[in-house]
Amino acid sequence: MTVNKRIFASMKDEGYKQFLIFLRLTPDYQIEANWCEADNEKVAAHVEMLRRLKEAGKLIVAGRTQEALDHTFGIIIIAVYDEAEAAGIMREDPAVAGGIMEASLHPFQVAVSRG
């Protein structure tokens, strides 16, 4: 692992702030039998939102743990201008807005990254 000073210094110089969005499935969706096709479509829209964030240069990383549904969680780390923008991204996430995931927002700073 290396400190990617150039990328993160550039973000700071341009006024970007980093935020971590912590995601967990809501209790009803921690049981696989409760899922239907419409729920899967909301998750697909969630993944598409992540792709759009990447294309816009706002996504640093996103992923989830590989555990049982009642233990898994996901994270999204983004670089945006302010907390209001980060909160809007979190609220508008189709999986959050659709009640499949609950989310919390945290100020964050990547210190070390691969690359």
C-alpha atoms as a PDB file:
ATOM      1  CA  MET A   1       0.000   0.000   0.000  1.00  0.00           C
ATOM      2  CA  THR A   2       1.138   3.510  -0.723  1.00  0.00           C
ATOM      3  CA  VAL A   3      -0.015   6.966   0.185  1.00  0.00           C
ATOM      4  CA  ASN A   4      -1.504   8.459  -2.941  1.00  0.00           C
ATOM      5  CA  LYS A   5      -0.605  12.035  -2.012  1.00  0.00           C
ATOM      6  CA  ARG A   6      -1.054  13.462  -5.486  1.00  0.00           C
ATOM      7  CA  ILE A   7      -4.692  12.399  -5.887  1.00  0.00           C
ATOM      8  CA  PHE A   8      -5.782  13.280  -2.370  1.00  0.00           C
ATOM      9  CA  ALA A   9      -3.871  16.579  -2.341  1.00  0.00           C
ATOM     10  CA  SER A  10      -5.583  17.480  -5.600  1.00  0.00           C
ATOM     11  CA  MET A  11      -9.008  16.760  -4.086  1.00  0.00           C
ATOM     12  CA  LYS A  12      -8.200  18.916  -1.081  1.00  0.00           C
ATOM     13  CA  ASP A  13      -6.875  21.725  -3.270  1.00  0.00           C
ATOM     14  CA  GLU A  14     -10.069  21.681  -5.311  1.00  0.00           C
ATOM     15  CA  GLY A  15     -12.257  21.939  -2.198  1.00  0.00           C
ATOM     16  CA  TYR A  16     -13.469  18.360  -2.052  1.00  0.00           C
ATOM     17  CA  LYS A  17     -14.344  16.703   1.234  1.00  0.00           C
ATOM     18  CA  GLN A  18     -14.605  12.967   1.735  1.00  0.00           C
ATOM     19  CA  PHE A  19     -17.514  11.149   3.309  1.00  0.00           C
ATOM     20  CA  LEU A  20     -18.230   7.533   4.133  1.00  0.00           C
ATOM     21  CA  ILE A  21     -21.767   6.233   3.737  1.00  0.00           C
ATOM     22  CA  PHE A  22     -22.363   3.160   5.906  1.00  0.00           C
ATOM     23  CA  LEU A  23     -25.153   0.891   4.606  1.00  0.00           C
ATOM     24  CA  ARG A  24     -27.001  -2.005   6.216  1.00  0.00           C
ATOM     25  CA  LEU A  25     -29.992  -3.941   5.041  1.00  0.00           C
ATOM     26  CA  THR A  26     -33.172  -3.053   6.903  1.00  0.00           C
ATOM     27  CA  PRO A  27     -34.432  -5.946   9.074  1.00  0.00           C
ATOM     28  CA  ASP A  28     -37.030  -7.187   6.557  1.00  0.00           C
ATOM     29  CA  TYR A  29     -34.352  -7.575   3.888  1.00  0.00           C
ATOM     30  CA  GLN A  30     -31.993  -9.521   6.116  1.00  0.00           C
ATOM     31  CA  ILE A  31     -34.173 -12.542   5.283  1.00  0.00           C
ATOM     32  CA  GLU A  32     -33.655 -13.744   1.712  1.00  0.00           C
ATOM     33  CA  ALA A  33     -37.230 -15.068   1.410  1.00  0.00           C
ATOM     34  CA  ASN A  34     -38.544 -11.492   1.737  1.00  0.00           C
ATOM     35  CA  TRP A  35     -36.895 -10.310  -1.489  1.00  0.00           C
ATOM     36  CA  CYS A  36     -38.883  -9.868  -4.708  1.00  0.00           C
ATOM     37  CA  GLU A  37     -38.001  -8.750  -8.235  1.00  0.00           C
ATOM     38  CA  ALA A  38     -38.880  -5.107  -7.505  1.00  0.00           C
ATOM     39  CA  ASP A  39     -36.373  -5.151  -4.624  1.00  0.00           C
ATOM     40  CA  ASN A  40     -33.675  -6.536  -6.911  1.00  0.00           C
ATOM     41  CA  GLU A  41     -34.430  -3.722  -9.367  1.00  0.00           C
ATOM     42  CA  LYS A  42     -33.879  -1.143  -6.602  1.00  0.00           C
ATOM     43  CA  VAL A  43     -30.494  -2.703  -5.834  1.00  0.00           C
ATOM     44  CA  ALA A  44     -29.640  -2.666  -9.549  1.00  0.00           C
ATOM     45  CA  ALA A  45     -30.522   1.055  -9.588  1.00  0.00           C
ATOM     46  CA  HIS A  46     -28.266   1.480  -6.525  1.00  0.00           C
ATOM     47  CA  VAL A  47     -25.353  -0.081  -8.460  1.00  0.00           C
ATOM     48  CA  GLU A  48     -26.116   2.140 -11.452  1.00  0.00           C
ATOM     49  CA  MET A  49     -26.015   5.191  -9.159  1.00  0.00           C
ATOM     50  CA  LEU A  50     -22.552   4.081  -8.022  1.00  0.00           C
ATOM     51  CA  ARG A  51     -21.447   3.842 -11.657  1.00  0.00           C
ATOM     52  CA  ARG A  52     -22.696   7.390 -12.297  1.00  0.00           C
ATOM     53  CA  LEU A  53     -20.802   8.646  -9.234  1.00  0.00           C
ATOM     54  CA  LYS A  54     -17.671   6.968 -10.578  1.00  0.00           C
ATOM     55  CA  GLU A  55     -18.112   8.564 -13.996  1.00  0.00           C
ATOM     56  CA  ALA A  56     -18.572  11.964 -12.317  1.00  0.00           C
ATOM     57  CA  GLY A  57     -15.302  11.496 -10.424  1.00  0.00           C
ATOM     58  CA  LYS A  58     -17.038  11.476  -7.026  1.00  0.00           C
ATOM     59  CA  LEU A  59     -16.723   7.797  -6.084  1.00  0.00           C
ATOM     60  CA  ILE A  60     -13.534   6.718  -4.347  1.00  0.00           C
ATOM     61  CA  VAL A  61     -14.615   3.169  -3.488  1.00  0.00           C
ATOM     62  CA  ALA A  62     -17.759   1.162  -2.784  1.00  0.00           C
ATOM     63  CA  GLY A  63     -18.375  -2.404  -1.710  1.00  0.00           C
ATOM     64  CA  ARG A  64     -19.901  -4.757   0.793  1.00  0.00           C
ATOM     65  CA  THR A  65     -18.823  -7.495   3.109  1.00  0.00           C
ATOM     66  CA  GLN A  66     -19.348 -11.074   2.014  1.00  0.00           C
ATOM     67  CA  GLU A  67     -21.355 -12.312   4.965  1.00  0.00           C
ATOM     68  CA  ALA A  68     -24.857 -13.533   5.677  1.00  0.00           C
ATOM     69  CA  LEU A  69     -27.561 -10.933   4.989  1.00  0.00           C
ATOM     70  CA  ASP A  70     -28.112 -10.308   8.703  1.00  0.00           C
ATOM     71  CA  HIS A  71     -24.417  -9.429   9.186  1.00  0.00           C
ATOM     72  CA  THR A  72     -23.363  -7.819   5.927  1.00  0.00           C
ATOM     73  CA  PHE A  73     -22.804  -4.100   5.470  1.00  0.00           C
ATOM     74  CA  GLY A  74     -21.602  -1.856   2.699  1.00  0.00           C
ATOM     75  CA  ILE A  75     -19.591   1.310   2.415  1.00  0.00           C
ATOM     76  CA  ILE A  76     -19.429   4.069  -0.135  1.00  0.00           C
ATOM     77  CA  ILE A  77     -16.605   6.587   0.090  1.00  0.00           C
ATOM     78  CA  ILE A  78     -17.172   9.722  -1.952  1.00  0.00           C
ATOM     79  CA  ALA A  79     -15.440  13.047  -2.561  1.00  0.00           C
ATOM     80  CA  VAL A  80     -17.840  15.983  -2.840  1.00  0.00           C
ATOM     81  CA  TYR A  81     -17.867  19.699  -2.068  1.00  0.00           C
ATOM     82  CA  ASP A  82     -19.834  19.580   1.167  1.00  0.00           C
ATOM     83  CA  GLU A  83     -21.878  17.506   3.599  1.00  0.00           C
ATOM     84  CA  ALA A  84     -25.158  18.626   2.039  1.00  0.00           C
ATOM     85  CA  GLU A  85     -24.146  17.110  -1.292  1.00  0.00           C
ATOM     86  CA  ALA A  86     -23.061  13.887   0.434  1.00  0.00           C
ATOM     87  CA  ALA A  87     -26.335  13.715   2.372  1.00  0.00           C
ATOM     88  CA  GLY A  88     -28.288  14.190  -0.850  1.00  0.00           C
ATOM     89  CA  ILE A  89     -26.429  11.332  -2.516  1.00  0.00           C
ATOM     90  CA  MET A  90     -27.175   9.126   0.491  1.00  0.00           C
ATOM     91  CA  ARG A  91     -30.894  10.052   0.623  1.00  0.00           C
ATOM     92  CA  GLU A  92     -31.371   9.648  -3.133  1.00  0.00           C
ATOM     93  CA  ASP A  93     -29.711   6.226  -3.273  1.00  0.00           C
ATOM     94  CA  PRO A  94     -32.494   4.025  -4.712  1.00  0.00           C
ATOM     95  CA  ALA A  95     -31.879   1.266  -2.137  1.00  0.00           C
ATOM     96  CA  VAL A  96     -32.081   3.763   0.732  1.00  0.00           C
ATOM     97  CA  ALA A  97     -35.057   5.681  -0.681  1.00  0.00           C
ATOM     98  CA  GLY A  98     -36.719   2.329  -1.424  1.00  0.00           C
ATOM     99  CA  GLY A  99     -36.415   1.141   2.182  1.00  0.00           C
ATOM    100  CA  ILE A 100     -34.070  -1.762   1.440  1.00  0.00           C
ATOM    101  CA  MET A 101     -31.044  -0.229   3.137  1.00  0.00           C
ATOM    102  CA  GLU A 102     -30.567   2.165   5.998  1.00  0.00           C
ATOM    103  CA  ALA A 103     -27.631   4.529   5.809  1.00  0.00           C
ATOM    104  CA  SER A 104     -25.536   6.847   7.934  1.00  0.00           C
ATOM    105  CA  LEU A 105     -23.110   9.534   6.811  1.00  0.00           C
ATOM    106  CA  HIS A 106     -19.671  10.116   8.313  1.00  0.00           C
ATOM    107  CA  PRO A 107     -16.914  12.640   7.524  1.00  0.00           C
ATOM    108  CA  PHE A 108     -13.928  10.612   6.322  1.00  0.00           C
ATOM    109  CA  GLN A 109     -10.404  10.974   5.084  1.00  0.00           C
ATOM    110  CA  VAL A 110      -8.524   8.320   3.151  1.00  0.00           C
ATOM    111  CA  ALA A 111      -5.031   8.136   4.604  1.00  0.00           C
ATOM    112  CA  VAL A 112      -3.493   5.266   2.675  1.00  0.00           C
ATOM    113  CA  SER A 113      -4.644   3.652  -0.533  1.00  0.00           C
ATOM    114  CA  ARG A 114      -3.464   1.048  -2.948  1.00  0.00           C
ATOM    115  CA  GLY A 115      -2.112   2.579  -6.084  1.00  0.00           C
END
